[in-house]
Amino acid sequence: MEMLFCYCCRVHHAKDQMRLFPTRHGMRWRCIDSIEAATRSRTERDAFGRQQTELNREAARRRAEFMHHLRESLSPAL
């Protein structure tokens, strides 16, 4: 299954969940969820944004933790 990167929520999604979306910088892939979230009320949009931010922070935390463990396992014992 082909996966594409959503510039809005910064996650890879299946191609069938994505649409090309016009931006100032040209056409970019954006997931249907983020497109639909943009049409909702301000409160719902803000909630969607907070949810995406939390997901992005958790992913970054997991990557940093993995890299920390990787560095520890590769460093020579003293």
PDB file of N, CA and C in Angstrom:
ATOM      1  N   MET A   1       0.847  -1.180   0.000  1.00  0.00           N
ATOM      2  CA  MET A   1       0.000   0.000   0.000  1.00  0.00           C
ATOM      3  C   MET A   1       0.892   1.242   0.000  1.00  0.00           C
ATOM      4  N   GLU A   2       0.594   2.159  -0.889  1.00  0.00           N
ATOM      5  CA  GLU A   2       1.393   3.375  -0.983  1.00  0.00           C
ATOM      6  C   GLU A   2       0.995   4.348   0.123  1.00  0.00           C
ATOM      7  N   MET A   3       1.998   4.880   0.799  1.00  0.00           N
ATOM      8  CA  MET A   3       1.780   5.834   1.884  1.00  0.00           C
ATOM      9  C   MET A   3       2.294   7.204   1.433  1.00  0.00           C
ATOM     10  N   LEU A   4       1.566   8.247   1.807  1.00  0.00           N
ATOM     11  CA  LEU A   4       1.955   9.619   1.484  1.00  0.00           C
ATOM     12  C   LEU A   4       2.022  10.439   2.756  1.00  0.00           C
ATOM     13  N   PHE A   5       2.878  11.450   2.747  1.00  0.00           N
ATOM     14  CA  PHE A   5       3.071  12.310   3.916  1.00  0.00           C
ATOM     15  C   PHE A   5       2.091  13.476   3.885  1.00  0.00           C
ATOM     16  N   CYS A   6       1.348  13.642   4.971  1.00  0.00           N
ATOM     17  CA  CYS A   6       0.414  14.764   5.109  1.00  0.00           C
ATOM     18  C   CYS A   6       1.172  15.945   5.707  1.00  0.00           C
ATOM     19  N   TYR A   7       1.263  17.036   4.958  1.00  0.00           N
ATOM     20  CA  TYR A   7       2.005  18.201   5.453  1.00  0.00           C
ATOM     21  C   TYR A   7       1.296  18.856   6.630  1.00  0.00           C
ATOM     22  N   CYS A   8       0.005  18.619   6.789  1.00  0.00           N
ATOM     23  CA  CYS A   8      -0.773  19.260   7.843  1.00  0.00           C
ATOM     24  C   CYS A   8      -0.561  18.580   9.197  1.00  0.00           C
ATOM     25  N   CYS A   9      -0.792  17.282   9.255  1.00  0.00           N
ATOM     26  CA  CYS A   9      -0.643  16.590  10.536  1.00  0.00           C
ATOM     27  C   CYS A   9       0.709  15.887  10.664  1.00  0.00           C
ATOM     28  N   ARG A  10       1.528  15.933   9.604  1.00  0.00           N
ATOM     29  CA  ARG A  10       2.904  15.448   9.611  1.00  0.00           C
ATOM     30  C   ARG A  10       2.994  13.951   9.907  1.00  0.00           C
ATOM     31  N   VAL A  11       2.090  13.199   9.281  1.00  0.00           N
ATOM     32  CA  VAL A  11       2.016  11.753   9.439  1.00  0.00           C
ATOM     33  C   VAL A  11       1.840  11.131   8.060  1.00  0.00           C
ATOM     34  N   HIS A  12       2.321   9.908   7.891  1.00  0.00           N
ATOM     35  CA  HIS A  12       2.080   9.181   6.650  1.00  0.00           C
ATOM     36  C   HIS A  12       0.727   8.491   6.721  1.00  0.00           C
ATOM     37  N   HIS A  13      -0.046   8.581   5.643  1.00  0.00           N
ATOM     38  CA  HIS A  13      -1.360   7.950   5.529  1.00  0.00           C
ATOM     39  C   HIS A  13      -1.403   7.164   4.223  1.00  0.00           C
ATOM     40  N   ALA A  14      -2.350   6.218   4.158  1.00  0.00           N
ATOM     41  CA  ALA A  14      -2.571   5.490   2.904  1.00  0.00           C
ATOM     42  C   ALA A  14      -3.022   6.482   1.833  1.00  0.00           C
ATOM     43  N   LYS A  15      -2.617   6.236   0.599  1.00  0.00           N
ATOM     44  CA  LYS A  15      -2.908   7.170  -0.494  1.00  0.00           C
ATOM     45  C   LYS A  15      -4.407   7.417  -0.659  1.00  0.00           C
ATOM     46  N   ASP A  16      -5.238   6.403  -0.385  1.00  0.00           N
ATOM     47  CA  ASP A  16      -6.685   6.585  -0.552  1.00  0.00           C
ATOM     48  C   ASP A  16      -7.291   7.508   0.510  1.00  0.00           C
ATOM     49  N   GLN A  17      -6.521   7.854   1.535  1.00  0.00           N
ATOM     50  CA  GLN A  17      -6.976   8.781   2.572  1.00  0.00           C
ATOM     51  C   GLN A  17      -6.430  10.197   2.346  1.00  0.00           C
ATOM     52  N   MET A  18      -5.807  10.416   1.210  1.00  0.00           N
ATOM     53  CA  MET A  18      -5.141  11.689   0.937  1.00  0.00           C
ATOM     54  C   MET A  18      -5.749  12.376  -0.276  1.00  0.00           C
ATOM     55  N   ARG A  19      -5.618  13.706  -0.305  1.00  0.00           N
ATOM     56  CA  ARG A  19      -6.038  14.515  -1.447  1.00  0.00           C
ATOM     57  C   ARG A  19      -4.966  15.574  -1.687  1.00  0.00           C
ATOM     58  N   LEU A  20      -4.786  15.918  -2.959  1.00  0.00           N
ATOM     59  CA  LEU A  20      -3.905  17.040  -3.270  1.00  0.00           C
ATOM     60  C   LEU A  20      -4.630  18.316  -2.886  1.00  0.00           C
ATOM     61  N   PHE A  21      -3.922  19.196  -2.194  1.00  0.00           N
ATOM     62  CA  PHE A  21      -4.537  20.403  -1.651  1.00  0.00           C
ATOM     63  C   PHE A  21      -3.697  21.601  -2.071  1.00  0.00           C
ATOM     64  N   PRO A  22      -4.337  22.657  -2.613  1.00  0.00           N
ATOM     65  CA  PRO A  22      -3.562  23.833  -3.037  1.00  0.00           C
ATOM     66  C   PRO A  22      -3.072  24.656  -1.837  1.00  0.00           C
ATOM     67  N   THR A  23      -1.800  25.022  -1.858  1.00  0.00           N
ATOM     68  CA  THR A  23      -1.219  25.895  -0.834  1.00  0.00           C
ATOM     69  C   THR A  23      -0.475  27.026  -1.530  1.00  0.00           C
ATOM     70  N   ARG A  24       0.046  27.959  -0.760  1.00  0.00           N
ATOM     71  CA  ARG A  24       0.841  29.050  -1.331  1.00  0.00           C
ATOM     72  C   ARG A  24       2.070  28.528  -2.045  1.00  0.00           C
ATOM     73  N   HIS A  25       2.547  27.362  -1.623  1.00  0.00           N
ATOM     74  CA  HIS A  25       3.778  26.798  -2.170  1.00  0.00           C
ATOM     75  C   HIS A  25       3.511  25.715  -3.206  1.00  0.00           C
ATOM     76  N   GLY A  26       2.288  25.645  -3.685  1.00  0.00           N
ATOM     77  CA  GLY A  26       1.944  24.636  -4.688  1.00  0.00           C
ATOM     78  C   GLY A  26       1.031  23.568  -4.107  1.00  0.00           C
ATOM     79  N   MET A  27       0.818  22.529  -4.863  1.00  0.00           N
ATOM     80  CA  MET A  27      -0.060  21.443  -4.439  1.00  0.00           C
ATOM     81  C   MET A  27       0.684  20.527  -3.469  1.00  0.00           C
ATOM     82  N   ARG A  28       0.023  20.193  -2.359  1.00  0.00           N
ATOM     83  CA  ARG A  28       0.611  19.288  -1.365  1.00  0.00           C
ATOM     84  C   ARG A  28      -0.432  18.255  -0.957  1.00  0.00           C
ATOM     85  N   TRP A  29       0.063  17.108  -0.501  1.00  0.00           N
ATOM     86  CA  TRP A  29      -0.836  16.062  -0.038  1.00  0.00           C
ATOM     87  C   TRP A  29      -1.317  16.384   1.372  1.00  0.00           C
ATOM     88  N   ARG A  30      -2.624  16.208   1.575  1.00  0.00           N
ATOM     89  CA  ARG A  30      -3.229  16.470   2.876  1.00  0.00           C
ATOM     90  C   ARG A  30      -4.283  15.395   3.135  1.00  0.00           C
ATOM     91  N   CYS A  31      -4.357  14.883   4.363  1.00  0.00           N
ATOM     92  CA  CYS A  31      -5.309  13.814   4.657  1.00  0.00           C
ATOM     93  C   CYS A  31      -6.738  14.367   4.736  1.00  0.00           C
ATOM     94  N   ILE A  32      -7.682  13.506   4.456  1.00  0.00           N
ATOM     95  CA  ILE A  32      -9.097  13.889   4.466  1.00  0.00           C
ATOM     96  C   ILE A  32      -9.504  14.383   5.847  1.00  0.00           C
ATOM     97  N   ASP A  33      -9.008  13.743   6.918  1.00  0.00           N
ATOM     98  CA  ASP A  33      -9.361  14.168   8.279  1.00  0.00           C
ATOM     99  C   ASP A  33      -8.987  15.623   8.528  1.00  0.00           C
ATOM    100  N   SER A  34      -7.798  16.028   8.098  1.00  0.00           N
ATOM    101  CA  SER A  34      -7.374  17.411   8.340  1.00  0.00           C
ATOM    102  C   SER A  34      -8.164  18.394   7.478  1.00  0.00           C
ATOM    103  N   ILE A  35      -8.532  17.975   6.270  1.00  0.00           N
ATOM    104  CA  ILE A  35      -9.337  18.842   5.404  1.00  0.00           C
ATOM    105  C   ILE A  35     -10.719  19.047   6.020  1.00  0.00           C
ATOM    106  N   GLU A  36     -11.314  17.950   6.492  1.00  0.00           N
ATOM    107  CA  GLU A  36     -12.633  18.051   7.116  1.00  0.00           C
ATOM    108  C   GLU A  36     -12.582  18.832   8.429  1.00  0.00           C
ATOM    109  N   ALA A  37     -11.507  18.665   9.185  1.00  0.00           N
ATOM    110  CA  ALA A  37     -11.366  19.385  10.450  1.00  0.00           C
ATOM    111  C   ALA A  37     -11.318  20.893  10.217  1.00  0.00           C
ATOM    112  N   ALA A  38     -10.752  21.309   9.094  1.00  0.00           N
ATOM    113  CA  ALA A  38     -10.643  22.742   8.791  1.00  0.00           C
ATOM    114  C   ALA A  38     -11.998  23.385   8.519  1.00  0.00           C
ATOM    115  N   THR A  39     -12.995  22.585   8.176  1.00  0.00           N
ATOM    116  CA  THR A  39     -14.320  23.147   7.875  1.00  0.00           C
ATOM    117  C   THR A  39     -15.225  23.200   9.097  1.00  0.00           C
ATOM    118  N   ARG A  40     -14.767  22.654  10.216  1.00  0.00           N
ATOM    119  CA  ARG A  40     -15.583  22.624  11.433  1.00  0.00           C
ATOM    120  C   ARG A  40     -15.480  23.947  12.189  1.00  0.00           C
ATOM    121  N   SER A  41     -16.179  24.008  13.321  1.00  0.00           N
ATOM    122  CA  SER A  41     -16.164  25.224  14.146  1.00  0.00           C
ATOM    123  C   SER A  41     -14.763  25.458  14.705  1.00  0.00           C
ATOM    124  N   ARG A  42     -14.518  26.664  15.150  1.00  0.00           N
ATOM    125  CA  ARG A  42     -13.202  27.016  15.691  1.00  0.00           C
ATOM    126  C   ARG A  42     -12.840  26.119  16.874  1.00  0.00           C
ATOM    127  N   THR A  43     -13.784  25.829  17.737  1.00  0.00           N
ATOM    128  CA  THR A  43     -13.533  24.966  18.896  1.00  0.00           C
ATOM    129  C   THR A  43     -13.099  23.574  18.454  1.00  0.00           C
ATOM    130  N   GLU A  44     -13.792  23.020  17.464  1.00  0.00           N
ATOM    131  CA  GLU A  44     -13.444  21.688  16.961  1.00  0.00           C
ATOM    132  C   GLU A  44     -12.098  21.701  16.242  1.00  0.00           C
ATOM    133  N   ARG A  45     -11.818  22.764  15.484  1.00  0.00           N
ATOM    134  CA  ARG A  45     -10.512  22.878  14.807  1.00  0.00           C
ATOM    135  C   ARG A  45      -9.388  22.939  15.835  1.00  0.00           C
ATOM    136  N   ASP A  46      -9.602  23.749  16.878  1.00  0.00           N
ATOM    137  CA  ASP A  46      -8.582  23.866  17.921  1.00  0.00           C
ATOM    138  C   ASP A  46      -8.355  22.532  18.621  1.00  0.00           C
ATOM    139  N   ALA A  47      -9.429  21.798  18.873  1.00  0.00           N
ATOM    140  CA  ALA A  47      -9.305  20.486  19.513  1.00  0.00           C
ATOM    141  C   ALA A  47      -8.523  19.526  18.611  1.00  0.00           C
ATOM    142  N   PHE A  48      -8.804  19.551  17.306  1.00  0.00           N
ATOM    143  CA  PHE A  48      -8.080  18.707  16.358  1.00  0.00           C
ATOM    144  C   PHE A  48      -6.598  19.086  16.360  1.00  0.00           C
ATOM    145  N   GLY A  49      -6.301  20.365  16.363  1.00  0.00           N
ATOM    146  CA  GLY A  49      -4.911  20.829  16.383  1.00  0.00           C
ATOM    147  C   GLY A  49      -4.185  20.401  17.650  1.00  0.00           C
ATOM    148  N   ARG A  50      -4.856  20.515  18.795  1.00  0.00           N
ATOM    149  CA  ARG A  50      -4.237  20.081  20.055  1.00  0.00           C
ATOM    150  C   ARG A  50      -3.975  18.578  20.039  1.00  0.00           C
ATOM    151  N   GLN A  51      -4.917  17.821  19.491  1.00  0.00           N
ATOM    152  CA  GLN A  51      -4.746  16.376  19.398  1.00  0.00           C
ATOM    153  C   GLN A  51      -3.548  16.029  18.514  1.00  0.00           C
ATOM    154  N   GLN A  52      -3.424  16.683  17.358  1.00  0.00           N
ATOM    155  CA  GLN A  52      -2.301  16.434  16.463  1.00  0.00           C
ATOM    156  C   GLN A  52      -0.983  16.831  17.120  1.00  0.00           C
ATOM    157  N   THR A  53      -0.983  17.948  17.831  1.00  0.00           N
ATOM    158  CA  THR A  53       0.228  18.389  18.522  1.00  0.00           C
ATOM    159  C   THR A  53       0.662  17.346  19.540  1.00  0.00           C
ATOM    160  N   GLU A  54      -0.287  16.825  20.294  1.00  0.00           N
ATOM    161  CA  GLU A  54       0.037  15.815  21.299  1.00  0.00           C
ATOM    162  C   GLU A  54       0.576  14.538  20.642  1.00  0.00           C
ATOM    163  N   LEU A  55      -0.037  14.122  19.537  1.00  0.00           N
ATOM    164  CA  LEU A  55       0.454  12.942  18.817  1.00  0.00           C
ATOM    165  C   LEU A  55       1.874  13.173  18.305  1.00  0.00           C
ATOM    166  N   ASN A  56       2.142  14.365  17.774  1.00  0.00           N
ATOM    167  CA  ASN A  56       3.483  14.688  17.267  1.00  0.00           C
ATOM    168  C   ASN A  56       4.511  14.712  18.390  1.00  0.00           C
ATOM    169  N   ARG A  57       4.137  15.263  19.544  1.00  0.00           N
ATOM    170  CA  ARG A  57       5.056  15.297  20.693  1.00  0.00           C
ATOM    171  C   ARG A  57       5.379  13.888  21.171  1.00  0.00           C
ATOM    172  N   GLU A  58       4.364  13.037  21.233  1.00  0.00           N
ATOM    173  CA  GLU A  58       4.576  11.660  21.677  1.00  0.00           C
ATOM    174  C   GLU A  58       5.480  10.909  20.701  1.00  0.00           C
ATOM    175  N   ALA A  59       5.272  11.105  19.412  1.00  0.00           N
ATOM    176  CA  ALA A  59       6.128  10.459  18.412  1.00  0.00           C
ATOM    177  C   ALA A  59       7.570  10.951  18.546  1.00  0.00           C
ATOM    178  N   ALA A  60       7.759  12.239  18.758  1.00  0.00           N
ATOM    179  CA  ALA A  60       9.102  12.799  18.921  1.00  0.00           C
ATOM    180  C   ALA A  60       9.751  12.265  20.193  1.00  0.00           C
ATOM    181  N   ARG A  61       8.973  12.129  21.259  1.00  0.00           N
ATOM    182  CA  ARG A  61       9.493  11.600  22.518  1.00  0.00           C
ATOM    183  C   ARG A  61       9.950  10.152  22.327  1.00  0.00           C
ATOM    184  N   ARG A  62       9.143   9.346  21.624  1.00  0.00           N
ATOM    185  CA  ARG A  62       9.505   7.953  21.382  1.00  0.00           C
ATOM    186  C   ARG A  62      10.768   7.845  20.525  1.00  0.00           C
ATOM    187  N   ARG A  63      10.882   8.708  19.503  1.00  0.00           N
ATOM    188  CA  ARG A  63      12.093   8.700  18.670  1.00  0.00           C
ATOM    189  C   ARG A  63      13.327   9.064  19.496  1.00  0.00           C
ATOM    190  N   ALA A  64      13.202  10.085  20.339  1.00  0.00           N
ATOM    191  CA  ALA A  64      14.335  10.509  21.173  1.00  0.00           C
ATOM    192  C   ALA A  64      14.727   9.402  22.151  1.00  0.00           C
ATOM    193  N   GLU A  65      13.738   8.750  22.733  1.00  0.00           N
ATOM    194  CA  GLU A  65      14.015   7.659  23.662  1.00  0.00           C
ATOM    195  C   GLU A  65      14.710   6.500  22.948  1.00  0.00           C
ATOM    196  N   PHE A  66      14.238   6.165  21.758  1.00  0.00           N
ATOM    197  CA  PHE A  66      14.862   5.103  20.968  1.00  0.00           C
ATOM    198  C   PHE A  66      16.320   5.451  20.656  1.00  0.00           C
ATOM    199  N   MET A  67      16.552   6.689  20.215  1.00  0.00           N
ATOM    200  CA  MET A  67      17.919   7.114  19.887  1.00  0.00           C
ATOM    201  C   MET A  67      18.810   7.085  21.126  1.00  0.00           C
ATOM    202  N   HIS A  68      18.264   7.459  22.268  1.00  0.00           N
ATOM    203  CA  HIS A  68      19.030   7.434  23.518  1.00  0.00           C
ATOM    204  C   HIS A  68      19.455   5.996  23.827  1.00  0.00           C
ATOM    205  N   HIS A  69      18.515   5.056  23.735  1.00  0.00           N
ATOM    206  CA  HIS A  69      18.834   3.650  23.995  1.00  0.00           C
ATOM    207  C   HIS A  69      19.825   3.105  22.964  1.00  0.00           C
ATOM    208  N   LEU A  70      19.665   3.521  21.719  1.00  0.00           N
ATOM    209  CA  LEU A  70      20.570   3.084  20.665  1.00  0.00           C
ATOM    210  C   LEU A  70      21.980   3.576  20.949  1.00  0.00           C
ATOM    211  N   ARG A  71      22.114   4.850  21.320  1.00  0.00           N
ATOM    212  CA  ARG A  71      23.441   5.403  21.636  1.00  0.00           C
ATOM    213  C   ARG A  71      24.070   4.690  22.817  1.00  0.00           C
ATOM    214  N   GLU A  72      23.253   4.382  23.850  1.00  0.00           N
ATOM    215  CA  GLU A  72      23.788   3.687  25.021  1.00  0.00           C
ATOM    216  C   GLU A  72      24.284   2.299  24.656  1.00  0.00           C
ATOM    217  N   SER A  73      23.555   1.612  23.793  1.00  0.00           N
ATOM    218  CA  SER A  73      23.962   0.253  23.433  1.00  0.00           C
ATOM    219  C   SER A  73      25.179   0.238  22.526  1.00  0.00           C
ATOM    220  N   LEU A  74      25.419   1.327  21.793  1.00  0.00           N
ATOM    221  CA  LEU A  74      26.574   1.384  20.887  1.00  0.00           C
ATOM    222  C   LEU A  74      27.820   1.972  21.533  1.00  0.00           C
ATOM    223  N   SER A  75      27.671   2.670  22.647  1.00  0.00           N
ATOM    224  CA  SER A  75      28.831   3.297  23.276  1.00  0.00           C
ATOM    225  C   SER A  75      29.664   2.220  23.983  1.00  0.00           C
ATOM    226  N   PRO A  76      30.990   2.366  23.909  1.00  0.00           N
ATOM    227  CA  PRO A  76      31.867   1.374  24.546  1.00  0.00           C
ATOM    228  C   PRO A  76      31.746   1.434  26.077  1.00  0.00           C
ATOM    229  N   ALA A  77      31.796   0.282  26.698  1.00  0.00           N
ATOM    230  CA  ALA A  77      31.726   0.222  28.165  1.00  0.00           C
ATOM    231  C   ALA A  77      33.022   0.748  28.746  1.00  0.00           C
ATOM    232  N   LEU A  78      32.913   1.507  29.830  1.00  0.00           N
ATOM    233  CA  LEU A  78      34.106   2.067  30.462  1.00  0.00           C
ATOM    234  C   LEU A  78      34.569   1.214  31.605  1.00  0.00           C
TER     235      LEU A  78
END
